[in-house]
């Protein structure tokens, strides 16, 4: 959720929606930090002694809910996944892998596969293993793997066409066309994916065959 102005964050802190342990994304450092570490946020809001929000009670200082550190949605304490974004509530603490970094690694591996067509398939595989507790990271890794496998099938097809087509003049040209199309695809998809990561937009790998569900 956001971007959110600092004044609005202070209002939320005053109302009790934000506490010192609430995770807030800092775009200047591209990382998540606790509200208590932001100067003038929680302390200033507490000192203002603003009236309690409607419906609050004496026990509101210890609510039975938390906020998702990824999407900001409120969820009850004890749930394993956020009901809004389906990400694991404890995934970051367990795996230590930021979902945005995972997406960048997977999508960059597609563009870089032009130089190493087969070797970079290990990148999304590693991301999957490291971030297996986070449903969002797993989905991203599976999508990237499907994209890599699709391109691998195209490379193999170009080799087969080239070998079989040696008896004709058109065979090598068809094989070269498949290779060229694969190179353009990898570069374009990789760049578009990285742009989507920077802009925090959802991204799907076009034309990728879903070998892995």
Foldseek 3Di string as FASTA:
>chain_A
DDDDDLVVLLVCLLQVVAAQQAWDADVVVRDIDGPVPDPCRNVVSVVVNDDHDPPDDPPSNPDQWGAQNPPRHIDGPPDQADPPPRWGSCQCVQLVDDLLVLLLQLLLLLLVCLVVLQVSLVRLVVQCVSRVSTPSSVVSSLQSNLQSVVLVVLLVVLVVQLVVCPVDPCSPVVSVVSSVVSNVLSNVRSVVSNVCSVVVHDDGRPPRDNPDD
